[in-house]
Amino acid sequence: MPARDPLRQLLTGGATRLGLDLAEATVERLLDYIDLLVRWNRAYNLSAVRDPREMITRHLLDSLAIVPWVAGERLADVGSGAGLPGLPLAILAPQRQVLLIDANGKKARFLRAAIRDLGLRNARVAESRVEDVGETFDCVTARAFATLAEMLDGGGQLLGPAGRWLAMKGRFPQDEIDAVPAGFRIEAVHALEVPGLEAERHLVVIQRKAQDPVQS
């Protein structure tokens, strides 16, 4: 496994720039997650990123950049893949229940192993298509999963009446915003600055449209 001190410094420094004061135990658990990802990645090809330092920046800090907009007691991470951003968010907030959704068997096996090895009692895995998950959540996250329209057409039922869908994107997705399905509205689009990452990052925050009152 890679030496921890440089990774720890990179993570804590980046978190500080994001305005996050991570407890020591949280930092170590996030680094444990990177250790697992490095090990499993050799056989399962979970991520194109191989360098642990790059994983800190492109995976952990990228995930932690959306923390100010994550709220509620129940979160679903759609197309979780290697657990991003769902696993870092579950580590950060052990009081929040997190469901990691991925239909890929290899990825789901990694997610279950990571939950077990990291001792995350607040996380679980749904090895299924997002369309088949019949629960609702206060917050739904999705990172590099699909277009906004595809996300909402397939998984819009996950979003509770007052919930927020947090879609992590690269460049400002104007075409996708213009194509958001009826019944949903864009609350805001935030430009994210991920420490150490020069690429553009945006967070699109989506809510359900309020239902018009029924006329008597």
Protein backbone atom coordinates (compact mmCIF):
# COMPACT_ATOMS: atom_id res chain seq x y z
CA MET A 1 0.00 0.00 0.00
CA PRO A 2 1.23 3.55 -0.67
CA ALA A 3 2.85 5.56 2.12
CA ARG A 4 0.16 7.33 4.11
CA ASP A 5 1.81 10.55 5.20
CA PRO A 6 1.87 12.26 1.77
CA LEU A 7 -1.71 11.12 1.08
CA ARG A 8 -2.85 12.32 4.50
CA GLN A 9 -1.30 15.74 3.93
CA LEU A 10 -2.88 15.99 0.48
CA LEU A 11 -6.31 15.02 1.83
CA THR A 12 -6.30 17.23 4.91
CA GLY A 13 -4.89 20.20 3.01
CA GLY A 14 -7.49 19.85 0.29
CA ALA A 15 -10.30 19.40 2.81
CA THR A 16 -9.22 22.56 4.61
CA ARG A 17 -9.38 24.49 1.33
CA LEU A 18 -12.92 23.16 0.92
CA GLY A 19 -13.80 24.48 4.37
CA LEU A 20 -13.95 21.03 5.97
CA ASP A 21 -12.32 20.22 9.30
CA LEU A 22 -12.02 16.44 9.17
CA ALA A 23 -11.63 14.44 12.35
CA GLU A 24 -8.51 12.27 12.49
CA ALA A 25 -10.60 9.08 12.48
CA THR A 26 -12.48 10.30 9.39
CA VAL A 27 -9.22 10.99 7.56
CA GLU A 28 -7.90 7.51 8.36
CA ARG A 29 -11.12 5.86 7.19
CA LEU A 30 -11.05 7.81 3.93
CA LEU A 31 -7.46 6.66 3.42
CA ASP A 32 -8.54 3.08 4.23
CA TYR A 33 -11.08 3.44 1.42
CA ILE A 34 -8.32 4.52 -0.99
CA ASP A 35 -6.25 1.50 0.09
CA LEU A 36 -9.19 -0.77 -0.74
CA LEU A 37 -9.78 0.93 -4.07
CA VAL A 38 -6.11 0.60 -5.06
CA ARG A 39 -6.11 -3.10 -4.15
CA TRP A 40 -9.40 -4.00 -5.84
CA ASN A 41 -8.66 -1.85 -8.87
CA ARG A 42 -5.86 -4.16 -9.95
CA ALA A 43 -8.30 -6.98 -10.67
CA TYR A 44 -11.67 -5.27 -11.06
CA ASN A 45 -10.73 -2.14 -13.02
CA LEU A 46 -13.08 0.03 -10.96
CA SER A 47 -11.37 3.30 -11.88
CA ALA A 48 -9.15 4.54 -14.70
CA VAL A 49 -7.21 6.47 -12.05
CA ARG A 50 -4.32 4.33 -10.76
CA ASP A 51 -2.13 6.74 -8.79
CA PRO A 52 -3.26 7.00 -5.13
CA ARG A 53 -2.38 10.71 -5.00
CA GLU A 54 -4.54 11.29 -8.03
CA MET A 55 -7.32 9.29 -6.36
CA ILE A 56 -7.22 11.69 -3.41
CA THR A 57 -7.77 14.65 -5.72
CA ARG A 58 -10.00 13.22 -8.44
CA HIS A 59 -12.10 10.96 -6.21
CA LEU A 60 -12.08 12.05 -2.56
CA LEU A 61 -11.76 15.83 -2.85
CA ASP A 62 -14.05 15.86 -5.87
CA SER A 63 -16.68 14.04 -3.78
CA LEU A 64 -16.17 16.19 -0.70
CA ALA A 65 -16.61 19.39 -2.73
CA ILE A 66 -20.40 18.85 -2.74
CA VAL A 67 -20.73 18.46 1.05
CA PRO A 68 -22.29 21.93 1.60
CA TRP A 69 -25.32 20.89 -0.47
CA VAL A 70 -25.84 17.42 1.01
CA ALA A 71 -28.71 17.36 3.51
CA GLY A 72 -31.27 15.04 5.05
CA GLU A 73 -31.23 11.68 6.80
CA ARG A 74 -31.39 9.43 3.72
CA LEU A 75 -29.16 9.59 0.66
CA ALA A 76 -29.05 7.49 -2.51
CA ASP A 77 -25.97 7.41 -4.74
CA VAL A 78 -27.02 6.48 -8.28
CA GLY A 79 -24.56 4.59 -10.49
CA SER A 80 -22.23 4.45 -7.51
CA GLY A 81 -19.49 2.48 -9.30
CA ALA A 82 -16.47 2.56 -7.01
CA GLY A 83 -18.60 4.28 -4.36
CA LEU A 84 -18.26 7.88 -5.48
CA PRO A 85 -19.42 10.12 -3.99
CA GLY A 86 -21.53 7.83 -1.78
CA LEU A 87 -18.82 6.12 0.29
CA PRO A 88 -16.90 9.30 1.20
CA LEU A 89 -20.20 10.96 2.13
CA ALA A 90 -21.17 7.95 4.28
CA ILE A 91 -17.79 8.08 6.04
CA LEU A 92 -18.17 11.80 6.65
CA ALA A 93 -21.69 11.58 8.15
CA PRO A 94 -22.26 8.28 10.01
CA GLN A 95 -25.70 9.47 11.14
CA ARG A 96 -26.95 9.57 7.51
CA GLN A 97 -28.28 6.39 5.88
CA VAL A 98 -26.70 5.88 2.44
CA LEU A 99 -27.84 3.52 -0.32
CA LEU A 100 -25.28 2.78 -3.05
CA ILE A 101 -27.02 1.77 -6.28
CA ASP A 102 -25.19 -0.06 -9.06
CA ALA A 103 -26.34 -2.85 -11.36
CA ASN A 104 -22.80 -4.03 -12.17
CA GLY A 105 -22.01 -7.19 -10.21
CA LYS A 106 -18.26 -6.55 -9.82
CA LYS A 107 -18.81 -3.02 -8.62
CA ALA A 108 -21.56 -4.11 -6.22
CA ARG A 109 -19.20 -6.75 -4.78
CA PHE A 110 -16.56 -4.10 -4.17
CA LEU A 111 -19.11 -1.79 -2.54
CA ARG A 112 -20.28 -4.53 -0.16
CA ALA A 113 -16.69 -5.43 0.71
CA ALA A 114 -15.81 -1.77 1.31
CA ILE A 115 -18.82 -1.29 3.60
CA ARG A 116 -17.79 -4.39 5.57
CA ASP A 117 -14.08 -3.61 5.76
CA LEU A 118 -14.64 0.05 6.64
CA GLY A 119 -17.24 -0.84 9.28
CA LEU A 120 -19.89 1.43 7.80
CA ARG A 121 -23.13 0.62 9.58
CA ASN A 122 -24.96 3.43 7.78
CA ALA A 123 -24.39 2.20 4.21
CA ARG A 124 -25.89 -0.59 2.11
CA VAL A 125 -25.88 -1.68 -1.53
CA ALA A 126 -28.69 -2.14 -4.06
CA GLU A 127 -27.36 -4.32 -6.90
CA SER A 128 -30.08 -3.30 -9.32
CA ARG A 129 -31.14 -0.89 -12.00
CA VAL A 130 -32.05 2.49 -10.58
CA GLU A 131 -35.55 2.14 -12.07
CA ASP A 132 -36.19 -0.85 -9.80
CA VAL A 133 -35.40 0.89 -6.50
CA GLY A 134 -38.72 1.65 -4.81
CA GLU A 135 -37.61 3.98 -2.00
CA THR A 136 -37.49 7.75 -1.69
CA PHE A 137 -34.65 9.87 -0.34
CA ASP A 138 -33.91 13.34 0.98
CA CYS A 139 -30.86 13.60 -1.26
CA VAL A 140 -29.79 11.79 -4.44
CA THR A 141 -26.26 12.03 -5.83
CA ALA A 142 -24.95 11.05 -9.24
CA ARG A 143 -21.43 11.47 -10.59
CA ALA A 144 -20.65 11.03 -14.30
CA PHE A 145 -23.65 8.73 -14.57
CA ALA A 146 -25.79 9.97 -17.46
CA THR A 147 -27.41 13.10 -18.85
CA LEU A 148 -29.75 14.99 -16.52
CA ALA A 149 -32.77 13.84 -18.52
CA GLU A 150 -31.64 10.19 -18.39
CA MET A 151 -30.99 10.44 -14.64
CA LEU A 152 -34.41 11.88 -13.90
CA ASP A 153 -36.32 9.68 -16.34
CA GLY A 154 -34.75 6.57 -14.79
CA GLY A 155 -34.39 7.60 -11.17
CA GLY A 156 -36.64 10.57 -10.56
CA GLN A 157 -38.90 8.41 -8.40
CA LEU A 158 -36.12 8.26 -5.80
CA LEU A 159 -36.47 11.94 -4.98
CA GLY A 160 -38.72 12.77 -2.04
CA PRO A 161 -41.11 15.75 -2.31
CA ALA A 162 -38.66 18.16 -0.66
CA GLY A 163 -35.52 16.31 -1.73
CA ARG A 164 -32.56 17.48 -3.77
CA TRP A 165 -30.88 15.75 -6.68
CA LEU A 166 -27.17 16.63 -6.79
CA ALA A 167 -25.79 15.95 -10.26
CA MET A 168 -22.00 16.24 -10.53
CA LYS A 169 -20.90 17.46 -13.94
CA GLY A 170 -17.77 18.72 -15.68
CA ARG A 171 -18.43 21.69 -17.94
CA PHE A 172 -21.57 23.79 -17.52
CA PRO A 173 -24.22 21.46 -19.03
CA GLN A 174 -26.51 24.01 -20.71
CA ASP A 175 -27.92 21.55 -23.26
CA GLU A 176 -28.79 19.09 -20.50
CA ILE A 177 -30.34 21.82 -18.36
CA ASP A 178 -32.54 22.85 -21.28
CA ALA A 179 -33.76 19.24 -21.58
CA VAL A 180 -34.70 18.61 -17.92
CA PRO A 181 -38.02 16.70 -17.89
CA ALA A 182 -41.32 18.21 -16.85
CA GLY A 183 -41.96 17.87 -13.12
CA PHE A 184 -38.44 18.94 -12.15
CA ARG A 185 -36.73 22.32 -11.87
CA ILE A 186 -33.15 23.51 -11.62
CA GLU A 187 -32.66 25.08 -8.19
CA ALA A 188 -29.09 26.19 -8.84
CA VAL A 189 -25.85 25.40 -10.66
CA HIS A 190 -22.68 25.81 -8.62
CA ALA A 191 -19.16 26.04 -10.04
CA LEU A 192 -16.93 23.86 -7.87
CA GLU A 193 -13.25 24.41 -7.22
CA VAL A 194 -11.66 21.08 -6.36
CA PRO A 195 -8.19 21.57 -4.80
CA GLY A 196 -5.49 20.27 -7.12
CA LEU A 197 -7.88 19.71 -10.03
CA GLU A 198 -7.69 22.08 -12.99
CA ALA A 199 -10.67 20.63 -14.85
CA GLU A 200 -14.08 22.33 -14.69
CA ARG A 201 -16.58 20.98 -12.20
CA HIS A 202 -20.22 21.97 -11.72
CA LEU A 203 -22.94 20.80 -9.38
CA VAL A 204 -26.51 20.93 -10.70
CA VAL A 205 -29.10 21.01 -7.91
CA ILE A 206 -32.54 19.76 -8.97
CA GLN A 207 -35.85 19.64 -7.11
CA ARG A 208 -39.34 18.48 -7.89
CA LYS A 209 -41.70 21.18 -9.08
CA ALA A 210 -44.37 22.03 -6.54
CA GLN A 211 -47.72 20.51 -7.39
CA ASP A 212 -50.37 23.03 -8.40
CA PRO A 213 -53.19 23.07 -5.84
CA VAL A 214 -56.28 21.15 -6.88
CA GLN A 215 -59.15 23.49 -7.72
CA SER A 216 -62.33 22.77 -5.79
